[in-house]
Amino acid sequence: MEATWASSVATDPTWLAVIAAIGAVGSLATVVVLLRQQAPRRKPDLERIARRREPRSAH
């Protein structure tokens, strides 16, 4: 069987390291995004929430 570029890539460990590094960075980015979605971005403004709950006739 004749050697092709795919067979040389498969035997070169550098490509495996590159693909593993890309996967690790992608996994880390996924974890960061998921953690940021769970954490509140800022503290709730309790005064504004209380005003919103007041009846309209109180204004």
Protein backbone atom coordinates (compact mmCIF):
# COMPACT_ATOMS: atom_id res chain seq x y z
CA MET A 1 0.00 0.00 0.00
CA GLU A 2 1.27 3.43 -0.92
CA ALA A 3 1.87 5.96 1.86
CA THR A 4 -0.36 9.03 1.87
CA TRP A 5 -0.34 12.26 3.87
CA ALA A 6 -2.94 10.72 6.22
CA SER A 7 -0.65 7.87 7.19
CA SER A 8 2.22 10.26 7.98
CA VAL A 9 -0.10 12.42 10.09
CA ALA A 10 -1.30 9.39 12.01
CA THR A 11 2.26 8.39 12.92
CA ASP A 12 3.37 11.92 13.90
CA PRO A 13 2.70 12.54 17.64
CA THR A 14 2.82 16.32 17.12
CA TRP A 15 -0.64 16.26 15.51
CA LEU A 16 -2.05 14.32 18.43
CA ALA A 17 -0.65 16.94 20.83
CA VAL A 18 -2.12 19.79 18.75
CA ILE A 19 -5.56 18.18 18.64
CA ALA A 20 -5.41 17.42 22.39
CA ALA A 21 -4.45 21.05 23.14
CA ILE A 22 -7.36 22.35 21.04
CA GLY A 23 -9.71 19.98 22.88
CA ALA A 24 -8.40 21.07 26.27
CA VAL A 25 -8.84 24.76 25.45
CA GLY A 26 -12.35 24.08 24.16
CA SER A 27 -13.27 22.15 27.30
CA LEU A 28 -11.92 24.90 29.54
CA ALA A 29 -13.84 27.55 27.60
CA THR A 30 -17.04 25.50 27.93
CA VAL A 31 -16.61 25.24 31.71
CA VAL A 32 -15.98 28.99 32.00
CA VAL A 33 -19.08 29.84 29.97
CA LEU A 34 -21.27 27.49 32.01
CA LEU A 35 -19.99 28.89 35.31
CA ARG A 36 -20.57 32.47 34.16
CA GLN A 37 -24.16 31.63 33.24
CA GLN A 38 -24.83 30.31 36.75
CA ALA A 39 -23.37 33.28 38.62
CA PRO A 40 -25.46 36.45 38.84
CA ARG A 41 -23.93 39.30 36.89
CA ARG A 42 -24.74 41.97 39.45
CA LYS A 43 -26.52 42.36 42.73
CA PRO A 44 -30.27 42.88 42.42
CA ASP A 45 -31.49 46.44 43.02
CA LEU A 46 -33.85 45.83 45.95
CA GLU A 47 -35.31 49.35 45.78
CA ARG A 48 -36.28 48.96 42.15
CA ILE A 49 -37.83 45.55 42.84
CA ALA A 50 -39.84 47.00 45.76
CA ARG A 51 -41.09 49.89 43.58
CA ARG A 52 -42.16 47.44 40.89
CA ARG A 53 -44.24 45.49 43.42
CA GLU A 54 -46.10 48.57 44.70
CA PRO A 55 -49.59 49.12 43.32
CA ARG A 56 -49.93 51.87 40.68
CA SER A 57 -52.20 53.96 42.94
CA ALA A 58 -49.33 54.43 45.42
CA HIS A 59 -47.39 56.61 42.95
